[in-house]
Amino acid sequence: MKILLALGVALMASLPATGAEVARPNVLFIAVDDLRTNLGCYGDAVATTPNIDALATRGGRFTRAYCQESVCNPSRQSLLTGRRPDTIRVWDLKTHFRQTSPGVVTLPEHFKTHGYFAQSFGKIFHGEAPMADPRSWSVPEQLEYIAKRDDYQLPENREPRRTQKAAATEFQGESDDDYPDGKVAAGAVAALRGFATTRTGQPFFLAVGFMKPHLPFTAPKRYWDLYDRVAIPPPAQPAPPRGAPALALHDSTELRGYYDMPKVEAFTAAATSFTDAQVGRVIAELTRVGLAANTIVVLWSDHGFHLGEHGLWAKTTNYESDTRVPLIFARPGTATGGTACPSLVELLDVFPTLVDLCGLPPPSGLEGVSLKTWLDHPAAPGRPAAFSQFPRPWTYRAEPAHMGYAVRTATHRYVEWRRFGTRNVVARELYAYQGEELFESENLAERPDEMERLRSMAALLPTGASGGTGRVP
């Protein structure tokens, strides 16, 4: 890491900066894996997340932000390219957008092209070596891939396994830096010190990607001690939605693959608090070295996570628990800190928003919109719907058999399951929501009194065939 940091400092010193670039704000881009809206600032009374909560008090918090596909690789590649999964043709964990859309310019690449020093620590793209993207960064990515064994401290969990994964939970380490996310935070802290002491004039785009609360749920014991398991409420909707098609559900394979499941009761609260502490380390250093006054901080999660709702664990559905994510922008020198915007937004909007806030020319082909209007005026009218999709089966080899397209309005969700590559509909779902609930109760798609709503929501979906390049209005 020292060699790479030295290389970064050398490159920064060698790049000239214009007066216009000096005035541009820095960007601290914080990605969190599998983080749902169980945060204090989103109304969770049990969550211990003081650092993310503090960020929200000085920023704009979007309460209805949605990912484009509820699994890591397509969600991240969609956000980082500013394009929907169908447009870049990335729906699985193995496809790289450089294979399917080689000419696309990514978010960090766009900033790099316009004079920013772009550096990353941790999981920003998918987090496996083949998913690295050297073109996006000024220096090589660091800690972008973490071997599963490095999530553990106990020898029996670090041993190679041919079939099953190791334990779903562990709480052994004493130091945060015993775990990968602690190392990511330490690397980001070192980079910020380098920006403050060595680089003068050139703005930076620093991406920091934390793995937790992604499985396995591992963190130092003191984070587990923050919680009384009895006090954590049970799932509000433990059964599948009434009338839901089998295509919509799954068997929680991701969690059940761990050898101690279902014998242990796994939960993400401790891992969430651990990640919150790492976020706090990085933001505290940003302030300590004097860079906070000219740095935009954005924090987002790639998708949500089921915690027993509908009998499901993990992600990979089109439902609310999986598609709804936290999204916070904190801008220096604004009077709208601590605001909550209820408008429907998408992770696609992150790319054009940062470009707008930093005064860069927008690249062509972006499919999201800048959220600056809603950051300045949280009560302004928003878009009519947000869109997500998911393939079945998951995972697939060559192509999926079906693609489910979801449209979320302020009060309802409609899902249309199509045969992949066609517009042949094999199943429909329609759900109504009460307030901020994260679950679906009953599929209303067959009710005669809901036919007009079903037709109007279906009309919002992409016009192109499943697996094509149809874009959502």
Protein backbone atom coordinates (compact mmCIF):
# COMPACT_ATOMS: atom_id res chain seq x y z
CA MET A 1 0.00 0.00 0.00
CA LYS A 2 2.88 2.43 0.79
CA ILE A 3 4.29 2.00 -2.71
CA LEU A 4 0.92 2.72 -4.30
CA LEU A 5 0.33 5.74 -2.09
CA ALA A 6 3.76 7.08 -3.00
CA LEU A 7 2.93 6.59 -6.66
CA GLY A 8 -0.32 8.49 -6.15
CA VAL A 9 1.46 11.41 -4.49
CA ALA A 10 4.02 11.51 -7.30
CA LEU A 11 1.35 11.54 -9.97
CA MET A 12 -0.59 14.27 -8.18
CA ALA A 13 2.49 16.43 -7.96
CA SER A 14 3.19 15.99 -11.67
CA LEU A 15 -0.28 17.01 -12.88
CA PRO A 16 -0.91 20.72 -13.41
CA ALA A 17 -4.06 22.35 -12.11
CA THR A 18 -5.79 25.36 -13.61
CA GLY A 19 -7.43 28.09 -11.62
CA ALA A 20 -10.86 26.74 -12.53
CA GLU A 21 -9.92 23.32 -11.24
CA VAL A 22 -8.73 24.74 -7.91
CA ALA A 23 -12.21 26.15 -7.31
CA ARG A 24 -13.93 22.86 -8.00
CA PRO A 25 -14.96 20.83 -4.95
CA ASN A 26 -13.41 17.50 -4.07
CA VAL A 27 -15.57 14.39 -3.95
CA LEU A 28 -15.56 11.76 -1.21
CA PHE A 29 -17.56 8.88 -2.70
CA ILE A 30 -18.56 6.28 -0.07
CA ALA A 31 -20.07 2.99 -1.25
CA VAL A 32 -21.51 0.47 1.23
CA ASP A 33 -22.38 -3.12 0.33
CA ASP A 34 -25.81 -4.58 1.23
CA LEU A 35 -26.79 -1.63 3.45
CA ARG A 36 -30.54 -1.17 3.74
CA THR A 37 -32.27 1.79 5.35
CA ASN A 38 -31.91 0.40 8.89
CA LEU A 39 -30.09 3.53 10.06
CA GLY A 40 -30.89 5.99 12.79
CA CYS A 41 -31.24 8.83 10.29
CA TYR A 42 -33.82 6.76 8.39
CA GLY A 43 -35.92 6.23 11.50
CA ASP A 44 -34.58 2.93 12.86
CA ALA A 45 -34.82 3.18 16.64
CA VAL A 46 -32.52 0.20 17.25
CA ALA A 47 -29.64 1.01 14.89
CA THR A 48 -26.44 2.47 16.35
CA THR A 49 -25.12 4.51 13.42
CA PRO A 50 -23.95 7.87 14.82
CA ASN A 51 -21.53 8.73 12.04
CA ILE A 52 -23.86 8.21 9.10
CA ASP A 53 -26.56 9.96 11.13
CA ALA A 54 -24.22 12.94 11.62
CA LEU A 55 -23.50 13.04 7.88
CA ALA A 56 -27.24 13.16 7.24
CA THR A 57 -27.66 16.14 9.61
CA ARG A 58 -25.45 18.24 7.35
CA GLY A 59 -26.65 16.80 4.06
CA GLY A 60 -29.62 15.95 1.94
CA ARG A 61 -31.11 12.51 2.61
CA PHE A 62 -33.26 10.82 -0.03
CA THR A 63 -35.83 8.61 1.66
CA ARG A 64 -37.01 6.85 -1.51
CA ALA A 65 -33.91 6.01 -3.51
CA TYR A 66 -33.85 2.81 -5.58
CA CYS A 67 -31.15 0.68 -7.16
CA GLN A 68 -31.49 -0.59 -10.72
CA GLU A 69 -30.80 -4.25 -9.90
CA SER A 70 -30.55 -5.75 -6.43
CA VAL A 71 -27.20 -7.48 -6.67
CA CYS A 72 -23.69 -6.04 -6.53
CA ASN A 73 -22.16 -6.12 -10.01
CA PRO A 74 -25.02 -4.83 -12.19
CA SER A 75 -26.06 -2.25 -9.59
CA ARG A 76 -22.56 -0.83 -9.28
CA GLN A 77 -21.82 -0.90 -13.00
CA SER A 78 -25.14 0.83 -13.66
CA LEU A 79 -24.36 3.63 -11.19
CA LEU A 80 -20.74 4.02 -12.31
CA THR A 81 -21.65 4.19 -16.00
CA GLY A 82 -24.87 6.14 -15.53
CA ARG A 83 -26.77 3.61 -17.63
CA ARG A 84 -29.43 0.99 -16.97
CA PRO A 85 -28.50 -2.71 -16.86
CA ASP A 86 -30.28 -3.33 -20.17
CA THR A 87 -28.30 -0.56 -21.85
CA ILE A 88 -24.87 -1.89 -20.80
CA ARG A 89 -26.16 -5.48 -20.94
CA VAL A 90 -24.89 -6.36 -17.47
CA TRP A 91 -27.27 -8.44 -15.32
CA ASP A 92 -24.98 -10.94 -13.55
CA LEU A 93 -21.85 -11.10 -11.37
CA LYS A 94 -19.41 -11.94 -14.15
CA THR A 95 -20.01 -9.58 -17.05
CA HIS A 96 -17.85 -6.45 -17.29
CA PHE A 97 -19.32 -3.44 -19.07
CA ARG A 98 -16.02 -3.02 -20.98
CA GLN A 99 -16.96 -6.24 -22.78
CA THR A 100 -20.47 -5.15 -23.69
CA SER A 101 -20.17 -1.32 -23.82
CA PRO A 102 -16.44 -0.61 -24.29
CA GLY A 103 -16.83 3.06 -25.18
CA VAL A 104 -18.65 4.08 -22.00
CA VAL A 105 -16.94 6.64 -19.76
CA THR A 106 -17.33 5.92 -16.05
CA LEU A 107 -18.02 8.40 -13.27
CA PRO A 108 -14.45 8.46 -11.87
CA GLU A 109 -13.01 8.38 -15.39
CA HIS A 110 -15.03 11.48 -16.29
CA PHE A 111 -13.67 13.29 -13.25
CA LYS A 112 -10.13 12.14 -14.04
CA THR A 113 -10.47 13.42 -17.62
CA HIS A 114 -11.49 16.82 -16.26
CA GLY A 115 -8.49 17.30 -14.02
CA TYR A 116 -9.36 15.35 -10.87
CA PHE A 117 -7.04 12.88 -9.19
CA ALA A 118 -9.17 9.73 -8.99
CA GLN A 119 -8.26 7.08 -6.44
CA SER A 120 -10.12 4.18 -4.85
CA PHE A 121 -9.89 1.94 -1.82
CA GLY A 122 -12.08 -1.11 -1.30
CA LYS A 123 -15.07 -2.37 -3.25
CA ILE A 124 -16.21 0.16 -5.83
CA PHE A 125 -16.79 -1.99 -8.88
CA HIS A 126 -17.79 -5.58 -8.13
CA GLY A 127 -14.79 -6.36 -5.94
CA GLU A 128 -13.22 -9.23 -7.82
CA ALA A 129 -9.98 -8.92 -9.78
CA PRO A 130 -11.60 -9.29 -13.23
CA MET A 131 -13.94 -6.41 -12.37
CA ALA A 132 -11.19 -3.86 -11.80
CA ASP A 133 -11.23 -0.93 -14.22
CA PRO A 134 -7.82 0.73 -14.56
CA ARG A 135 -9.15 3.33 -17.00
CA SER A 136 -11.26 4.86 -14.24
CA TRP A 137 -8.41 5.75 -11.89
CA SER A 138 -5.26 7.85 -11.73
CA VAL A 139 -3.45 5.07 -9.81
CA PRO A 140 -4.27 1.37 -9.45
CA GLU A 141 -7.23 0.43 -7.26
CA GLN A 142 -6.28 -0.70 -3.77
CA LEU A 143 -7.98 -3.40 -1.69
CA GLU A 144 -10.57 -3.78 -4.46
CA TYR A 145 -10.62 -7.53 -3.96
CA ILE A 146 -10.80 -9.18 -0.52
CA ALA A 147 -10.57 -12.95 -0.27
CA LYS A 148 -13.44 -14.43 1.73
CA ARG A 149 -11.02 -15.97 4.24
CA ASP A 150 -9.81 -12.48 5.19
CA ASP A 151 -13.25 -11.72 6.64
CA TYR A 152 -12.41 -14.07 9.50
CA GLN A 153 -10.04 -14.35 12.45
CA LEU A 154 -10.69 -17.95 13.59
CA PRO A 155 -8.44 -20.54 11.87
CA GLU A 156 -11.33 -22.91 11.21
CA ASN A 157 -13.11 -20.19 9.24
CA ARG A 158 -10.00 -19.25 7.29
CA GLU A 159 -9.36 -22.77 6.06
CA PRO A 160 -10.21 -23.44 2.39
CA ARG A 161 -13.56 -25.17 1.82
CA ARG A 162 -14.54 -27.15 -1.23
CA THR A 163 -18.29 -26.87 -0.93
CA GLN A 164 -19.88 -24.87 1.87
CA LYS A 165 -18.84 -21.42 2.99
CA ALA A 166 -17.47 -20.87 6.49
CA ALA A 167 -19.51 -19.43 9.39
CA ALA A 168 -22.13 -16.76 8.75
CA THR A 169 -21.12 -14.88 11.91
CA GLU A 170 -17.91 -14.23 13.82
CA PHE A 171 -16.87 -11.69 16.47
CA GLN A 172 -13.24 -12.24 17.38
CA GLY A 173 -11.00 -9.35 16.36
CA GLU A 174 -10.22 -6.56 18.78
CA SER A 175 -8.97 -3.95 16.32
CA ASP A 176 -11.03 -2.58 13.46
CA ASP A 177 -7.97 -2.98 11.27
CA ASP A 178 -8.06 -6.74 11.84
CA TYR A 179 -10.86 -6.72 9.27
CA PRO A 180 -10.78 -5.68 5.60
CA ASP A 181 -13.03 -2.65 6.02
CA GLY A 182 -10.74 -1.33 8.74
CA LYS A 183 -7.85 -1.56 6.29
CA VAL A 184 -9.93 0.26 3.67
CA ALA A 185 -10.62 3.08 6.13
CA ALA A 186 -6.93 3.26 7.06
CA GLY A 187 -5.97 3.53 3.39
CA ALA A 188 -8.47 6.31 2.79
CA VAL A 189 -7.22 8.18 5.87
CA ALA A 190 -3.65 7.95 4.58
CA ALA A 191 -4.75 9.21 1.17
CA LEU A 192 -6.52 12.22 2.70
CA ARG A 193 -3.36 13.11 4.62
CA GLY A 194 -1.45 12.94 1.36
CA PHE A 195 -3.97 15.18 -0.39
CA ALA A 196 -3.73 17.75 2.40
CA THR A 197 0.06 17.82 2.73
CA THR A 198 1.45 17.09 -0.74
CA ARG A 199 -1.08 18.03 -3.38
CA THR A 200 -1.87 21.69 -3.85
CA GLY A 201 -4.50 22.85 -6.29
CA GLN A 202 -5.74 19.64 -7.91
CA PRO A 203 -9.15 18.41 -6.76
CA PHE A 204 -9.61 14.76 -5.88
CA PHE A 205 -12.26 12.10 -6.39
CA LEU A 206 -11.69 9.60 -3.57
CA ALA A 207 -13.83 6.46 -3.71
CA VAL A 208 -14.06 4.39 -0.53
CA GLY A 209 -15.93 1.09 -0.68
CA PHE A 210 -16.91 -0.83 2.45
CA MET A 211 -17.87 -4.51 2.30
CA LYS A 212 -19.96 -4.73 5.45
CA PRO A 213 -22.73 -5.42 6.24
CA HIS A 214 -22.37 -7.93 3.38
CA LEU A 215 -22.16 -11.55 4.51
CA PRO A 216 -20.45 -13.00 6.45
CA PHE A 217 -21.53 -10.90 9.41
CA THR A 218 -18.10 -10.42 10.97
CA ALA A 219 -16.93 -7.54 13.14
CA PRO A 220 -15.07 -6.97 16.42
CA LYS A 221 -17.07 -8.11 19.43
CA ARG A 222 -17.67 -4.62 20.78
CA TYR A 223 -20.01 -3.92 17.86
CA TRP A 224 -22.04 -7.02 18.69
CA ASP A 225 -22.18 -5.87 22.30
CA LEU A 226 -24.03 -2.73 21.20
CA TYR A 227 -27.17 -4.79 20.63
CA ASP A 228 -29.59 -6.83 22.66
CA ARG A 229 -30.86 -9.48 20.26
CA VAL A 230 -34.17 -9.65 22.08
CA ALA A 231 -34.73 -5.94 21.39
CA ILE A 232 -34.37 -6.33 17.63
CA PRO A 233 -37.90 -6.61 16.26
CA PRO A 234 -38.87 -9.71 14.25
CA PRO A 235 -39.73 -9.43 10.55
CA ALA A 236 -42.97 -7.55 10.03
CA GLN A 237 -44.02 -9.79 7.13
CA PRO A 238 -42.49 -13.27 7.59
CA ALA A 239 -44.61 -14.94 4.88
CA PRO A 240 -44.43 -14.41 1.10
CA PRO A 241 -46.92 -11.93 -0.34
CA ARG A 242 -50.29 -13.52 -0.94
CA GLY A 243 -50.62 -14.43 -4.61
CA ALA A 244 -46.97 -13.79 -5.47
CA PRO A 245 -45.67 -15.81 -8.44
CA ALA A 246 -42.88 -18.30 -7.77
CA LEU A 247 -40.59 -16.29 -10.10
CA ALA A 248 -40.57 -13.44 -7.61
CA LEU A 249 -39.13 -15.46 -4.72
CA HIS A 250 -35.99 -17.47 -3.98
CA ASP A 251 -34.58 -19.94 -1.45
CA SER A 252 -32.10 -17.58 0.32
CA THR A 253 -29.17 -19.53 -1.14
CA GLU A 254 -26.65 -16.81 -0.34
CA LEU A 255 -27.17 -17.13 3.41
CA ARG A 256 -27.89 -20.86 3.50
CA GLY A 257 -24.57 -21.57 1.83
CA TYR A 258 -22.78 -20.86 5.12
CA TYR A 259 -22.11 -24.07 7.04
CA ASP A 260 -23.75 -22.95 10.31
CA MET A 261 -27.07 -22.00 8.73
CA PRO A 262 -29.86 -22.29 9.70
CA LYS A 263 -28.45 -23.15 13.16
CA VAL A 264 -27.41 -19.55 13.93
CA GLU A 265 -29.61 -16.48 13.86
CA ALA A 266 -27.63 -14.11 11.68
CA PHE A 267 -28.33 -10.39 11.63
CA THR A 268 -26.63 -7.34 10.17
CA ALA A 269 -26.87 -4.81 13.01
CA ALA A 270 -23.33 -5.31 14.37
CA ALA A 271 -21.81 -5.29 10.88
CA THR A 272 -23.72 -2.09 10.08
CA SER A 273 -22.38 -0.37 13.20
CA PHE A 274 -18.87 -1.54 12.32
CA THR A 275 -19.16 0.04 8.87
CA ASP A 276 -20.59 3.20 10.42
CA ALA A 277 -17.46 3.46 12.56
CA GLN A 278 -15.25 3.19 9.46
CA VAL A 279 -17.27 5.89 7.72
CA GLY A 280 -16.70 8.03 10.82
CA ARG A 281 -12.93 7.50 10.68
CA VAL A 282 -12.73 8.72 7.11
CA ILE A 283 -14.99 11.75 7.58
CA ALA A 284 -13.22 12.72 10.79
CA GLU A 285 -9.90 12.71 8.94
CA LEU A 286 -11.39 14.78 6.12
CA THR A 287 -12.25 17.40 8.74
CA ARG A 288 -8.97 17.06 10.68
CA VAL A 289 -6.78 17.77 7.65
CA GLY A 290 -8.86 20.79 6.64
CA LEU A 291 -10.46 19.42 3.45
CA ALA A 292 -14.10 19.21 4.56
CA ALA A 293 -14.85 22.82 3.64
CA ASN A 294 -14.43 22.06 -0.07
CA THR A 295 -15.51 18.41 -0.32
CA ILE A 296 -18.82 16.92 -1.38
CA VAL A 297 -19.56 13.66 0.43
CA VAL A 298 -21.96 11.16 -1.08
CA LEU A 299 -22.87 7.89 0.68
CA TRP A 300 -24.89 5.17 -1.04
CA SER A 301 -25.60 1.46 -0.89
CA ASP A 302 -25.63 -0.78 -3.95
CA HIS A 303 -28.92 -2.46 -2.89
CA GLY A 304 -30.94 -3.48 0.13
CA PHE A 305 -31.21 -6.79 1.93
CA HIS A 306 -34.02 -9.00 3.19
CA LEU A 307 -33.90 -9.73 6.92
CA GLY A 308 -36.59 -12.38 7.02
CA GLU A 309 -39.35 -10.43 5.27
CA HIS A 310 -41.33 -12.86 3.11
CA GLY A 311 -39.17 -15.65 4.58
CA LEU A 312 -36.24 -14.31 2.53
CA TRP A 313 -32.65 -13.53 3.44
CA ALA A 314 -30.19 -11.52 1.33
CA LYS A 315 -31.11 -9.78 -1.91
CA THR A 316 -31.95 -10.72 -5.57
CA THR A 317 -35.62 -9.69 -5.78
CA ASN A 318 -37.60 -6.75 -7.16
CA TYR A 319 -39.14 -6.07 -3.75
CA GLU A 320 -38.85 -3.00 -1.53
CA SER A 321 -36.40 -4.45 1.01
CA ASP A 322 -33.92 -5.22 -1.77
CA THR A 323 -34.31 -2.24 -4.09
CA ARG A 324 -34.64 0.65 -1.64
CA VAL A 325 -31.33 2.11 -0.46
CA PRO A 326 -29.90 4.94 1.63
CA LEU A 327 -28.56 7.88 -0.38
CA ILE A 328 -27.05 10.97 1.25
CA PHE A 329 -25.30 14.00 -0.29
CA ALA A 330 -23.50 16.43 2.02
CA ARG A 331 -22.34 19.66 0.41
CA PRO A 332 -20.18 22.28 2.12
CA GLY A 333 -21.61 25.74 2.54
CA THR A 334 -25.28 24.93 1.96
CA ALA A 335 -28.23 25.88 4.11
CA THR A 336 -30.25 22.73 3.46
CA GLY A 337 -28.40 20.29 5.72
CA GLY A 338 -30.46 17.76 7.58
CA THR A 339 -33.25 17.72 5.02
CA ALA A 340 -35.18 14.67 3.86
CA CYS A 341 -36.47 14.46 0.30
CA PRO A 342 -39.35 12.03 -0.31
CA SER A 343 -39.16 12.17 -4.11
CA LEU A 344 -38.49 8.97 -6.03
CA VAL A 345 -34.86 8.86 -7.15
CA GLU A 346 -32.52 6.24 -8.58
CA LEU A 347 -28.86 5.35 -8.15
CA LEU A 348 -28.54 6.27 -11.83
CA ASP A 349 -28.90 9.86 -10.67
CA VAL A 350 -25.63 9.87 -8.69
CA PHE A 351 -23.42 10.32 -11.78
CA PRO A 352 -25.22 13.37 -13.25
CA THR A 353 -25.68 14.88 -9.79
CA LEU A 354 -21.96 14.88 -8.96
CA VAL A 355 -21.14 16.21 -12.42
CA ASP A 356 -23.63 19.04 -11.89
CA LEU A 357 -22.50 19.87 -8.35
CA CYS A 358 -18.86 20.04 -9.44
CA GLY A 359 -19.53 22.15 -12.53
CA LEU A 360 -18.27 19.60 -15.06
CA PRO A 361 -19.70 19.23 -18.56
CA PRO A 362 -22.13 16.30 -18.62
CA PRO A 363 -21.12 13.32 -20.77
CA SER A 364 -23.55 12.04 -23.38
CA GLY A 365 -25.66 8.95 -22.80
CA LEU A 366 -26.45 9.31 -19.08
CA GLU A 367 -29.88 7.92 -18.21
CA GLY A 368 -30.31 9.51 -14.79
CA VAL A 369 -30.99 13.13 -13.84
CA SER A 370 -29.20 15.59 -11.59
CA LEU A 371 -30.70 15.75 -8.10
CA LYS A 372 -29.43 19.26 -7.42
CA THR A 373 -32.96 20.70 -7.66
CA TRP A 374 -34.16 18.36 -4.90
CA LEU A 375 -31.06 18.96 -2.78
CA ASP A 376 -31.81 22.69 -2.96
CA HIS A 377 -35.59 22.28 -2.69
CA PRO A 378 -36.49 18.94 -1.06
CA ALA A 379 -40.23 19.54 -1.43
CA ALA A 380 -40.05 20.11 -5.20
CA PRO A 381 -42.20 17.73 -7.29
CA GLY A 382 -40.30 14.62 -8.33
CA ARG A 383 -40.40 12.04 -11.08
CA PRO A 384 -43.46 9.78 -11.31
CA ALA A 385 -41.63 6.49 -10.85
CA ALA A 386 -38.37 4.65 -10.21
CA PHE A 387 -37.34 1.45 -12.01
CA SER A 388 -35.56 -1.79 -11.12
CA GLN A 389 -35.20 -5.19 -12.71
CA PHE A 390 -34.02 -8.71 -11.92
CA PRO A 391 -33.41 -11.92 -13.93
CA ARG A 392 -34.56 -15.44 -13.21
CA PRO A 393 -33.14 -17.91 -12.61
CA TRP A 394 -30.40 -16.45 -10.47
CA THR A 395 -27.74 -17.32 -11.22
CA TYR A 396 -27.88 -18.29 -14.87
CA ARG A 397 -25.22 -19.50 -17.32
CA ALA A 398 -25.68 -18.07 -20.81
CA GLU A 399 -28.92 -16.11 -20.52
CA PRO A 400 -31.72 -15.93 -17.96
CA ALA A 401 -35.09 -17.44 -18.80
CA HIS A 402 -37.04 -14.39 -17.60
CA MET A 403 -36.52 -10.76 -16.70
CA GLY A 404 -38.70 -9.02 -14.13
CA TYR A 405 -39.17 -5.28 -14.64
CA ALA A 406 -40.42 -3.24 -11.68
CA VAL A 407 -41.84 0.26 -11.55
CA ARG A 408 -42.25 1.97 -8.16
CA THR A 409 -44.57 4.95 -7.73
CA ALA A 410 -45.18 6.84 -4.50
CA THR A 411 -47.80 4.31 -3.40
CA HIS A 412 -47.48 1.13 -5.51
CA ARG A 413 -45.08 -1.31 -7.18
CA TYR A 414 -45.82 -3.10 -10.44
CA VAL A 415 -43.62 -5.98 -11.66
CA GLU A 416 -43.87 -7.49 -15.12
CA TRP A 417 -42.11 -10.82 -15.71
CA ARG A 418 -41.19 -11.32 -19.37
CA ARG A 419 -39.55 -14.15 -21.26
CA PHE A 420 -36.00 -12.98 -21.80
CA GLY A 421 -35.44 -11.38 -25.19
CA THR A 422 -39.18 -10.95 -25.83
CA ARG A 423 -42.14 -8.95 -24.60
CA ASN A 424 -44.11 -12.06 -23.69
CA VAL A 425 -45.47 -11.52 -20.17
CA VAL A 426 -45.67 -14.64 -18.01
CA ALA A 427 -46.59 -13.09 -14.64
CA ARG A 428 -47.59 -9.76 -13.11
CA GLU A 429 -47.41 -8.32 -9.61
CA LEU A 430 -49.04 -5.23 -8.14
CA TYR A 431 -48.55 -4.13 -4.54
CA ALA A 432 -49.77 -1.24 -2.42
CA TYR A 433 -47.68 0.26 0.38
CA GLN A 434 -48.60 1.99 3.59
CA GLY A 435 -46.16 4.72 4.60
CA GLU A 436 -42.53 3.66 4.80
CA GLU A 437 -43.01 -0.10 5.09
CA LEU A 438 -40.44 -2.35 3.44
CA PHE A 439 -42.65 -5.30 2.60
CA GLU A 440 -45.41 -6.36 0.24
CA SER A 441 -48.60 -7.95 1.58
CA GLU A 442 -50.80 -9.07 -1.31
CA ASN A 443 -50.44 -9.27 -5.08
CA LEU A 444 -53.33 -7.17 -6.44
CA ALA A 445 -52.65 -7.83 -10.12
CA GLU A 446 -55.76 -9.98 -10.63
CA ARG A 447 -58.23 -7.69 -8.89
CA PRO A 448 -60.75 -6.12 -11.31
CA ASP A 449 -60.75 -2.82 -9.41
CA GLU A 450 -56.97 -2.47 -9.93
CA MET A 451 -56.94 -3.02 -13.70
CA GLU A 452 -56.70 0.67 -14.60
CA ARG A 453 -53.79 1.20 -12.19
CA LEU A 454 -52.08 -1.92 -13.52
CA ARG A 455 -52.40 -0.69 -17.12
CA SER A 456 -51.11 2.79 -16.31
CA MET A 457 -48.09 1.46 -14.43
CA ALA A 458 -47.33 -1.09 -17.14
CA ALA A 459 -47.27 1.77 -19.64
CA LEU A 460 -44.32 3.30 -17.77
CA LEU A 461 -42.06 0.29 -18.36
CA PRO A 462 -39.36 0.13 -21.06
CA THR A 463 -40.59 -0.11 -24.62
CA GLY A 464 -37.71 -2.34 -25.75
CA ALA A 465 -37.84 -6.12 -25.39
CA SER A 466 -36.34 -7.79 -22.35
CA GLY A 467 -32.62 -8.06 -22.89
CA GLY A 468 -32.67 -5.20 -25.38
CA THR A 469 -31.74 -1.55 -25.06
CA GLY A 470 -35.16 -0.11 -24.34
CA ARG A 471 -34.93 2.92 -22.08
CA VAL A 472 -37.34 4.08 -19.46
CA PRO A 473 -38.85 7.56 -20.00
